[in-house]
């Protein structure tokens, strides 16, 4: 009896999982796709346009750098 009941629960779990999977696939099928070549070109253009605002590429002016040492270390 217990084996029969767990078999029904497993079957219903499998059905529920399959329904969730189908629903997710339907959602993903509606997503607009673009070609990788276009996406990479857009990304390169964006990086080029915003490079001048990137502190890792351009550096931080010494006057605006909050991590600049105020005084040199004299312990050494």
C-alpha atoms as a PDB file:
ATOM      1  CA  UNK A   1       0.000   0.000   0.000  1.00  0.00           C
ATOM      2  CA  UNK A   2       2.792   2.415   0.912  1.00  0.00           C
ATOM      3  CA  UNK A   3       4.693   1.494  -2.256  1.00  0.00           C
ATOM      4  CA  UNK A   4       1.604   2.213  -4.350  1.00  0.00           C
ATOM      5  CA  UNK A   5       1.128   5.592  -2.666  1.00  0.00           C
ATOM      6  CA  UNK A   6       4.760   6.651  -3.156  1.00  0.00           C
ATOM      7  CA  UNK A   7       4.532   5.574  -6.791  1.00  0.00           C
ATOM      8  CA  UNK A   8       1.566   7.915  -7.285  1.00  0.00           C
ATOM      9  CA  UNK A   9       3.416  10.757  -5.556  1.00  0.00           C
ATOM     10  CA  UNK A  10       6.480  10.214  -7.722  1.00  0.00           C
ATOM     11  CA  UNK A  11       4.341  10.181 -10.838  1.00  0.00           C
ATOM     12  CA  UNK A  12       2.601  13.411  -9.833  1.00  0.00           C
ATOM     13  CA  UNK A  13       5.976  14.981  -9.005  1.00  0.00           C
ATOM     14  CA  UNK A  14       7.246  13.996 -12.456  1.00  0.00           C
ATOM     15  CA  UNK A  15       4.164  15.504 -14.104  1.00  0.00           C
ATOM     16  CA  UNK A  16       4.549  18.725 -12.118  1.00  0.00           C
ATOM     17  CA  UNK A  17       8.225  18.920 -13.032  1.00  0.00           C
ATOM     18  CA  UNK A  18       7.443  18.307 -16.697  1.00  0.00           C
ATOM     19  CA  UNK A  19       4.818  21.076 -16.657  1.00  0.00           C
ATOM     20  CA  UNK A  20       7.299  23.531 -15.122  1.00  0.00           C
ATOM     21  CA  UNK A  21       9.866  22.575 -17.747  1.00  0.00           C
ATOM     22  CA  UNK A  22       7.390  23.073 -20.594  1.00  0.00           C
ATOM     23  CA  UNK A  23       6.342  26.442 -19.170  1.00  0.00           C
ATOM     24  CA  UNK A  24       9.984  27.558 -18.931  1.00  0.00           C
ATOM     25  CA  UNK A  25      10.658  26.444 -22.498  1.00  0.00           C
ATOM     26  CA  UNK A  26       7.635  28.425 -23.700  1.00  0.00           C
ATOM     27  CA  UNK A  27       8.945  31.530 -21.954  1.00  0.00           C
ATOM     28  CA  UNK A  28      12.411  31.056 -23.445  1.00  0.00           C
ATOM     29  CA  UNK A  29      10.971  30.487 -26.929  1.00  0.00           C
ATOM     30  CA  UNK A  30       9.418  33.974 -26.825  1.00  0.00           C
ATOM     31  CA  UNK A  31      12.703  35.732 -26.053  1.00  0.00           C
ATOM     32  CA  UNK A  32      13.990  37.848 -28.930  1.00  0.00           C
ATOM     33  CA  UNK A  33      17.351  36.567 -30.149  1.00  0.00           C
ATOM     34  CA  UNK A  34      20.147  38.426 -31.889  1.00  0.00           C
ATOM     35  CA  UNK A  35      23.204  37.104 -33.679  1.00  0.00           C
ATOM     36  CA  UNK A  36      26.433  36.791 -31.740  1.00  0.00           C
ATOM     37  CA  UNK A  37      28.223  38.975 -34.284  1.00  0.00           C
ATOM     38  CA  UNK A  38      25.749  41.821 -33.665  1.00  0.00           C
ATOM     39  CA  UNK A  39      25.908  41.384 -29.890  1.00  0.00           C
ATOM     40  CA  UNK A  40      29.715  41.463 -29.916  1.00  0.00           C
ATOM     41  CA  UNK A  41      29.762  44.540 -32.165  1.00  0.00           C
ATOM     42  CA  UNK A  42      27.307  46.300 -29.826  1.00  0.00           C
ATOM     43  CA  UNK A  43      29.434  45.364 -26.819  1.00  0.00           C
ATOM     44  CA  UNK A  44      32.634  46.627 -28.442  1.00  0.00           C
ATOM     45  CA  UNK A  45      30.925  49.899 -29.405  1.00  0.00           C
ATOM     46  CA  UNK A  46      29.617  50.352 -25.850  1.00  0.00           C
ATOM     47  CA  UNK A  47      33.075  49.690 -24.377  1.00  0.00           C
ATOM     48  CA  UNK A  48      34.688  52.176 -26.763  1.00  0.00           C
ATOM     49  CA  UNK A  49      32.126  54.868 -25.970  1.00  0.00           C
ATOM     50  CA  UNK A  50      32.442  54.428 -22.193  1.00  0.00           C
ATOM     51  CA  UNK A  51      36.200  53.797 -21.917  1.00  0.00           C
ATOM     52  CA  UNK A  52      36.893  57.432 -21.034  1.00  0.00           C
ATOM     53  CA  UNK A  53      34.737  57.053 -17.890  1.00  0.00           C
ATOM     54  CA  UNK A  54      36.429  53.836 -16.713  1.00  0.00           C
ATOM     55  CA  UNK A  55      38.867  54.527 -13.857  1.00  0.00           C
ATOM     56  CA  UNK A  56      40.647  51.223 -14.462  1.00  0.00           C
ATOM     57  CA  UNK A  57      41.562  52.323 -17.975  1.00  0.00           C
ATOM     58  CA  UNK A  58      42.072  56.050 -17.458  1.00  0.00           C
ATOM     59  CA  UNK A  59      43.314  56.112 -13.868  1.00  0.00           C
ATOM     60  CA  UNK A  60      42.135  58.283 -11.023  1.00  0.00           C
ATOM     61  CA  UNK A  61      43.452  61.848 -10.713  1.00  0.00           C
ATOM     62  CA  UNK A  62      45.631  62.201  -7.611  1.00  0.00           C
ATOM     63  CA  UNK A  63      43.446  65.023  -6.322  1.00  0.00           C
ATOM     64  CA  UNK A  64      40.358  62.777  -6.369  1.00  0.00           C
ATOM     65  CA  UNK A  65      41.973  59.543  -5.142  1.00  0.00           C
ATOM     66  CA  UNK A  66      40.614  58.761  -1.656  1.00  0.00           C
ATOM     67  CA  UNK A  67      43.217  55.983  -1.201  1.00  0.00           C
ATOM     68  CA  UNK A  68      46.280  58.142  -1.813  1.00  0.00           C
ATOM     69  CA  UNK A  69      48.688  58.195   1.123  1.00  0.00           C
ATOM     70  CA  UNK A  70      48.374  61.447   3.018  1.00  0.00           C
ATOM     71  CA  UNK A  71      51.887  61.146   4.491  1.00  0.00           C
ATOM     72  CA  UNK A  72      54.729  58.827   3.615  1.00  0.00           C
ATOM     73  CA  UNK A  73      55.502  56.045   6.083  1.00  0.00           C
ATOM     74  CA  UNK A  74      58.530  57.033   8.209  1.00  0.00           C
ATOM     75  CA  UNK A  75      58.829  53.772  10.168  1.00  0.00           C
ATOM     76  CA  UNK A  76      60.838  52.071   7.452  1.00  0.00           C
END
